[in-house]
Amino acid sequence: MKRVSVFRWVAVGLAFGIGCSSPLMAGEVYPQRAVRIIDSFPPGGGTDVLARLLAQELAASLDQPFVVENRPGAAGNIGTDQVAKAKPDGYTLGLAPNQTVAVNPVLYPKLPFDAANEITGVSKLVRLPMVLAVPSSSDIRSVEDLIAAAKAKPEHLTFASAGAGSPHHMAAAVFQKLTDTRMVHVPYKGSPPALIDVLSGTVDLIFCPLSSALPYIQDGRLRALGVTSTERLETLPETPTIAEKVPTFESDIWMGMVAPAGTPSDVIEILNQELQRILAQPKIRQNLAGQGFVIDASTTDEFNRLITEDRQRWAEVIEAAGIKVE
């Protein structure tokens, strides 16, 4: 595919004698050099898989390298800060799950960046549904069983998470709020150790990204009680949505592409159109579906509205649940 030419006329303020122009001069194309995509989490995770796939496809269509840089730490805040502070020229982008741009800004009392004013959305990309699961040895066999057990013995059941404020934790907070139940939070440093203790029966249950839990569900070591999406999933067609038993429940992870605020609108438009084209390809859809992703590309305006709405939503959940992090 030919690279996209971007023409920007220089507007001259005749009355004031002032001229202005976009960072892309007339006749230039974007990109002119390598573009970096910052992933705020370690290599091998869901964000990394998606970032590298998109980097490969963007490089092929826009004829410049797109290089993924992993900058993990502080629940994604380190990498997000690098995106926020980068020059807004289109050559630094970020692969952002909702945790980094919608949850963390209302969860952490002090951050080195202002997500609302220093970061802008390019496009929503995918959703990563979560699954509510228990070890196969558990007597809990349904969402109804779980609610009944939690109500019978408040603060007796335990749930694992990848850490305070993680998607696992937030999903459980929403569930408890809607079902008027109280369970004990057991935070871990990441999903792998949390899953290990659920598999062993040390912890009673977990809300976990489907991509991580699916192999254990398929081999019979985990029992899926419900999925956090609003519709049943092709990969688990017999597993009900939690919303079928708990109306209005929804707590998927979404991932999108972001950029520093002030990035030229023509650059963002080029990236948005390319990302939508890439994600519409059957081979890409099939590849990502096999890893638990649901394609959900959007316009830039739609994505920015979602980020704003999600910040408000999670602020309410965090306050109601009394979630605090240091």
Protein backbone atom coordinates (compact mmCIF):
# COMPACT_ATOMS: atom_id res chain seq x y z
CA MET A 1 0.00 0.00 0.00
CA LYS A 2 1.41 3.40 -0.90
CA ARG A 3 2.28 5.71 1.94
CA VAL A 4 -0.23 8.45 2.57
CA SER A 5 0.70 11.95 1.40
CA VAL A 6 -0.32 14.73 3.73
CA PHE A 7 -0.63 18.25 2.30
CA ARG A 8 -0.97 21.14 4.67
CA TRP A 9 -1.45 24.66 3.31
CA VAL A 10 0.31 27.37 5.28
CA ALA A 11 -2.26 29.83 6.58
CA VAL A 12 -1.02 33.39 6.62
CA GLY A 13 -2.63 35.86 8.97
CA LEU A 14 -2.67 38.90 6.71
CA ALA A 15 -4.08 41.21 9.32
CA PHE A 16 -1.43 40.28 11.88
CA GLY A 17 1.39 39.14 9.65
CA ILE A 18 1.55 35.76 11.36
CA GLY A 19 1.88 32.39 9.57
CA CYS A 20 1.31 28.94 11.03
CA SER A 21 1.67 25.42 9.76
CA SER A 22 1.41 21.80 10.80
CA PRO A 23 4.59 19.90 11.76
CA LEU A 24 4.10 18.15 8.40
CA MET A 25 5.12 20.60 5.68
CA ALA A 26 3.47 20.67 2.28
CA GLY A 27 4.26 17.55 0.28
CA GLU A 28 5.64 15.57 3.21
CA VAL A 29 4.41 12.12 4.04
CA TYR A 30 3.83 10.48 7.40
CA PRO A 31 5.81 8.80 8.71
CA GLN A 32 9.23 10.08 7.66
CA ARG A 33 11.16 7.91 10.13
CA ALA A 34 10.74 5.15 12.69
CA VAL A 35 7.76 5.35 15.04
CA ARG A 36 7.91 3.89 18.54
CA ILE A 37 4.95 2.26 20.26
CA ILE A 38 5.35 2.24 24.03
CA ASP A 39 3.84 -0.74 25.84
CA SER A 40 3.55 -0.04 29.56
CA PHE A 41 3.69 -3.74 30.46
CA PRO A 42 6.29 -6.54 30.17
CA PRO A 43 6.95 -8.54 27.00
CA GLY A 44 4.72 -11.54 26.37
CA GLY A 45 1.49 -10.15 27.80
CA GLY A 46 -1.70 -9.26 25.98
CA THR A 47 -0.71 -5.66 25.28
CA ASP A 48 2.66 -6.80 23.95
CA VAL A 49 1.11 -9.37 21.61
CA LEU A 50 -1.26 -6.77 20.19
CA ALA A 51 1.36 -4.02 19.95
CA ARG A 52 3.80 -6.21 18.00
CA LEU A 53 1.15 -7.45 15.60
CA LEU A 54 0.01 -3.91 14.84
CA ALA A 55 3.59 -2.64 14.59
CA GLN A 56 4.33 -5.24 11.92
CA GLU A 57 1.22 -4.36 9.94
CA LEU A 58 1.71 -0.59 10.22
CA ALA A 59 5.33 -0.88 9.11
CA ALA A 60 4.26 -2.84 6.04
CA SER A 61 1.58 -0.34 5.00
CA LEU A 62 3.31 2.94 5.94
CA ASP A 63 6.82 1.92 4.82
CA GLN A 64 8.64 2.89 8.01
CA PRO A 65 9.64 0.86 11.08
CA PHE A 66 7.17 0.78 13.98
CA VAL A 67 9.16 -0.36 17.01
CA VAL A 68 7.60 -1.64 20.24
CA GLU A 69 9.32 -0.52 23.43
CA ASN A 70 8.29 -2.20 26.69
CA ARG A 71 8.40 0.23 29.61
CA PRO A 72 6.77 -1.71 32.46
CA GLY A 73 6.38 -0.68 36.07
CA ALA A 74 4.06 1.01 38.55
CA ALA A 75 0.92 -0.64 37.12
CA GLY A 76 1.59 0.89 33.70
CA ASN A 77 2.22 4.41 34.96
CA ILE A 78 5.89 4.55 33.93
CA GLY A 79 5.24 3.85 30.26
CA THR A 80 2.14 6.03 30.19
CA ASP A 81 4.16 8.93 31.57
CA GLN A 82 6.67 8.52 28.73
CA VAL A 83 3.87 8.79 26.18
CA ALA A 84 2.39 11.83 27.93
CA LYS A 85 5.75 13.65 28.01
CA ALA A 86 6.83 12.76 24.45
CA LYS A 87 6.96 15.29 21.63
CA PRO A 88 3.49 15.40 20.02
CA ASP A 89 4.68 14.75 16.47
CA GLY A 90 3.24 11.30 15.76
CA TYR A 91 6.52 9.46 16.35
CA THR A 92 5.66 8.26 19.87
CA LEU A 93 2.47 6.29 20.42
CA GLY A 94 1.20 4.15 23.26
CA LEU A 95 -0.65 0.85 23.45
CA ALA A 96 -3.01 1.52 26.34
CA PRO A 97 -5.45 -0.73 28.18
CA ASN A 98 -8.19 0.99 30.14
CA GLN A 99 -6.21 0.52 33.35
CA THR A 100 -3.55 3.05 32.32
CA VAL A 101 -5.68 5.88 30.91
CA ALA A 102 -9.07 5.38 32.58
CA VAL A 103 -8.54 3.60 35.92
CA ASN A 104 -5.12 4.70 37.17
CA PRO A 105 -5.81 8.44 36.73
CA VAL A 106 -8.69 8.19 39.23
CA LEU A 107 -7.11 5.48 41.42
CA TYR A 108 -3.70 6.95 42.21
CA PRO A 109 -3.68 10.14 44.29
CA LYS A 110 -0.49 11.39 42.64
CA LEU A 111 0.71 10.66 39.12
CA PRO A 112 3.56 12.28 37.15
CA PHE A 113 1.22 12.87 34.21
CA ASP A 114 -2.22 14.35 33.59
CA ALA A 115 -4.01 11.80 31.44
CA ALA A 116 -6.95 14.08 30.72
CA ASN A 117 -4.78 16.84 29.28
CA GLU A 118 -1.54 15.16 28.18
CA ILE A 119 -2.84 12.08 26.33
CA THR A 120 -5.31 11.74 23.46
CA GLY A 121 -6.90 8.69 21.92
CA VAL A 122 -6.16 7.48 18.40
CA SER A 123 -8.45 4.45 18.20
CA LYS A 124 -9.99 1.81 20.37
CA LEU A 125 -8.64 -1.52 19.13
CA VAL A 126 -9.94 -4.57 20.98
CA ARG A 127 -11.78 -5.83 24.01
CA LEU A 128 -10.37 -8.60 26.16
CA PRO A 129 -13.24 -10.23 28.02
CA MET A 130 -12.63 -11.62 31.46
CA VAL A 131 -13.96 -14.80 32.99
CA LEU A 132 -15.08 -15.51 36.54
CA ALA A 133 -13.51 -18.84 37.42
CA VAL A 134 -13.07 -21.22 40.35
CA PRO A 135 -10.87 -24.31 40.69
CA SER A 136 -12.53 -27.45 39.38
CA SER A 137 -12.54 -28.88 42.91
CA SER A 138 -14.81 -26.07 44.14
CA ASP A 139 -18.38 -26.75 45.24
CA ILE A 140 -19.39 -23.46 43.55
CA ARG A 141 -20.79 -24.32 40.13
CA SER A 142 -22.60 -21.17 39.04
CA VAL A 143 -22.87 -17.43 39.57
CA GLU A 144 -25.96 -18.09 41.70
CA ASP A 145 -23.96 -20.48 43.88
CA LEU A 146 -21.26 -17.86 44.33
CA ILE A 147 -23.69 -15.13 45.35
CA ALA A 148 -25.44 -17.48 47.78
CA ALA A 149 -22.15 -18.59 49.36
CA ALA A 150 -20.89 -15.00 49.64
CA LYS A 151 -24.11 -13.85 51.30
CA ALA A 152 -24.17 -16.83 53.68
CA LYS A 153 -20.65 -16.07 54.94
CA PRO A 154 -19.63 -12.45 54.29
CA GLU A 155 -15.88 -11.90 53.96
CA HIS A 156 -15.26 -15.65 53.93
CA LEU A 157 -14.65 -16.28 50.23
CA THR A 158 -11.35 -15.03 48.79
CA PHE A 159 -10.62 -13.69 45.33
CA ALA A 160 -7.20 -13.31 43.70
CA SER A 161 -6.04 -10.40 41.57
CA ALA A 162 -2.95 -9.14 39.79
CA GLY A 163 -2.72 -6.30 42.32
CA ALA A 164 -4.72 -3.47 43.81
CA GLY A 165 -6.54 -1.58 41.09
CA SER A 166 -5.89 -4.26 38.46
CA PRO A 167 -8.69 -5.30 36.08
CA HIS A 168 -9.15 -8.46 38.19
CA HIS A 169 -9.68 -6.34 41.31
CA MET A 170 -11.97 -3.83 39.62
CA ALA A 171 -14.20 -6.54 38.14
CA ALA A 172 -14.60 -8.10 41.58
CA ALA A 173 -15.41 -4.68 43.04
CA VAL A 174 -18.19 -4.16 40.49
CA PHE A 175 -19.53 -7.66 41.15
CA GLN A 176 -19.64 -7.13 44.92
CA LYS A 177 -21.30 -3.75 44.55
CA LEU A 178 -24.07 -5.10 42.28
CA THR A 179 -24.69 -8.26 44.32
CA ASP A 180 -24.30 -6.67 47.76
CA THR A 181 -21.68 -9.23 48.75
CA ARG A 182 -18.33 -8.96 50.56
CA MET A 183 -15.33 -11.10 49.72
CA VAL A 184 -11.66 -10.90 50.75
CA HIS A 185 -9.19 -9.48 48.24
CA VAL A 186 -5.88 -11.35 47.89
CA PRO A 187 -3.56 -9.27 45.65
CA TYR A 188 -0.56 -10.75 43.84
CA LYS A 189 2.21 -9.30 41.72
CA GLY A 190 0.72 -10.23 38.35
CA SER A 191 -1.70 -12.78 36.93
CA PRO A 192 0.54 -15.92 36.90
CA PRO A 193 0.97 -16.26 40.69
CA ALA A 194 -2.68 -15.35 41.23
CA LEU A 195 -3.81 -18.09 38.86
CA ILE A 196 -1.47 -20.63 40.46
CA ASP A 197 -3.08 -20.15 43.86
CA VAL A 198 -6.59 -20.36 42.42
CA LEU A 199 -5.69 -23.56 40.57
CA SER A 200 -4.37 -25.06 43.80
CA GLY A 201 -7.47 -24.04 45.74
CA THR A 202 -5.52 -21.70 48.03
CA VAL A 203 -7.79 -18.85 46.85
CA ASP A 204 -11.46 -19.42 46.04
CA LEU A 205 -11.94 -17.55 42.76
CA ILE A 206 -10.62 -15.06 40.25
CA PHE A 207 -11.83 -12.63 37.60
CA CYS A 208 -9.19 -13.23 34.95
CA PRO A 209 -8.53 -12.19 31.34
CA LEU A 210 -9.86 -14.96 29.12
CA SER A 211 -6.55 -15.28 27.29
CA SER A 212 -4.83 -16.31 30.55
CA ALA A 213 -7.58 -18.54 31.93
CA LEU A 214 -8.71 -20.32 28.76
CA PRO A 215 -6.03 -23.07 28.68
CA TYR A 216 -6.90 -24.08 32.25
CA ILE A 217 -10.62 -24.03 31.49
CA GLN A 218 -10.06 -26.20 28.44
CA ASP A 219 -7.96 -28.76 30.33
CA GLY A 220 -10.50 -28.94 33.15
CA ARG A 221 -8.49 -27.36 35.97
CA LEU A 222 -10.66 -24.24 36.13
CA ARG A 223 -14.44 -23.99 36.02
CA ALA A 224 -15.82 -20.93 34.22
CA LEU A 225 -18.88 -19.52 36.00
CA GLY A 226 -19.48 -16.53 33.74
CA VAL A 227 -17.90 -14.06 31.35
CA THR A 228 -17.73 -10.32 31.97
CA SER A 229 -18.85 -9.27 28.48
CA THR A 230 -22.44 -8.37 27.66
CA GLU A 231 -22.69 -11.21 25.12
CA ARG A 232 -21.62 -14.84 25.24
CA LEU A 233 -18.27 -15.61 23.63
CA GLU A 234 -17.63 -17.87 20.65
CA THR A 235 -14.76 -19.49 22.55
CA LEU A 236 -17.01 -20.34 25.54
CA PRO A 237 -20.52 -20.57 24.07
CA GLU A 238 -21.94 -22.57 26.97
CA THR A 239 -20.68 -20.15 29.62
CA PRO A 240 -23.30 -17.51 30.48
CA THR A 241 -22.55 -13.84 30.83
CA ILE A 242 -22.52 -12.65 34.43
CA ALA A 243 -25.08 -10.06 33.33
CA GLU A 244 -27.59 -12.86 32.72
CA LYS A 245 -27.74 -13.25 36.51
CA VAL A 246 -26.49 -9.82 37.60
CA PRO A 247 -28.15 -7.19 35.37
CA THR A 248 -25.95 -4.29 34.17
CA PHE A 249 -22.72 -6.10 35.06
CA GLU A 250 -19.90 -5.48 32.60
CA SER A 251 -16.17 -5.28 33.22
CA ASP A 252 -14.17 -6.06 30.10
CA ILE A 253 -10.64 -4.87 29.50
CA TRP A 254 -10.27 -2.71 26.42
CA MET A 255 -7.10 -1.68 24.64
CA GLY A 256 -6.49 1.28 22.39
CA MET A 257 -3.81 3.35 20.70
CA VAL A 258 -3.02 6.71 22.28
CA ALA A 259 -0.67 9.60 21.55
CA PRO A 260 0.60 12.72 23.31
CA ALA A 261 -1.97 15.51 23.37
CA GLY A 262 -1.32 17.98 20.58
CA THR A 263 -0.35 15.34 18.01
CA PRO A 264 -1.48 16.74 14.62
CA SER A 265 -5.02 15.72 13.75
CA ASP A 266 -4.01 14.66 10.23
CA VAL A 267 -1.46 12.22 11.67
CA ILE A 268 -4.03 10.80 14.08
CA GLU A 269 -6.49 10.40 11.20
CA ILE A 270 -3.94 8.48 9.14
CA LEU A 271 -3.21 6.15 12.05
CA ASN A 272 -6.90 5.67 12.84
CA GLN A 273 -7.76 4.72 9.27
CA GLU A 274 -4.80 2.33 9.04
CA LEU A 275 -5.65 0.65 12.32
CA GLN A 276 -9.28 0.16 11.30
CA ARG A 277 -8.16 -1.27 7.95
CA ILE A 278 -5.71 -3.66 9.62
CA LEU A 279 -8.22 -4.89 12.20
CA ALA A 280 -10.84 -5.52 9.49
CA GLN A 281 -8.63 -8.11 7.78
CA PRO A 282 -9.92 -11.68 8.27
CA LYS A 283 -6.45 -13.07 9.02
CA ILE A 284 -5.91 -10.48 11.75
CA ARG A 285 -9.36 -11.05 13.24
CA GLN A 286 -8.77 -14.81 13.27
CA ASN A 287 -5.34 -14.42 14.82
CA LEU A 288 -6.56 -12.18 17.63
CA ALA A 289 -9.75 -14.17 18.26
CA GLY A 290 -7.60 -17.23 18.90
CA GLN A 291 -5.90 -15.32 21.70
CA GLY A 292 -9.11 -14.16 23.38
CA PHE A 293 -9.39 -10.69 21.82
CA VAL A 294 -12.60 -9.24 20.38
CA ILE A 295 -12.01 -6.67 17.63
CA ASP A 296 -13.68 -3.37 18.51
CA ALA A 297 -12.09 -0.56 16.48
CA SER A 298 -13.54 2.93 16.71
CA THR A 299 -13.26 6.47 15.46
CA THR A 300 -10.99 8.84 17.38
CA ASP A 301 -13.94 10.80 18.78
CA GLU A 302 -15.67 7.64 19.96
CA PHE A 303 -12.52 6.46 21.71
CA ASN A 304 -11.93 9.75 23.50
CA ARG A 305 -15.54 9.77 24.72
CA LEU A 306 -15.09 6.21 26.02
CA ILE A 307 -11.94 7.17 27.94
CA THR A 308 -13.73 10.10 29.59
CA GLU A 309 -16.83 8.05 30.43
CA ASP A 310 -14.74 5.19 31.84
CA ARG A 311 -12.81 7.54 34.12
CA GLN A 312 -16.09 8.71 35.60
CA ARG A 313 -17.41 5.16 35.91
CA TRP A 314 -14.33 3.79 37.66
CA ALA A 315 -14.08 6.81 39.96
CA GLU A 316 -17.52 5.88 41.28
CA VAL A 317 -16.57 2.20 41.70
CA ILE A 318 -13.31 3.07 43.47
CA GLU A 319 -15.05 5.44 45.88
CA ALA A 320 -17.88 3.01 46.63
CA ALA A 321 -15.48 0.10 47.22
CA GLY A 322 -12.98 2.17 49.18
CA ILE A 323 -10.10 0.99 46.98
CA LYS A 324 -6.81 2.64 47.84
CA VAL A 325 -3.26 2.25 46.56
CA GLU A 326 -0.01 3.74 47.77
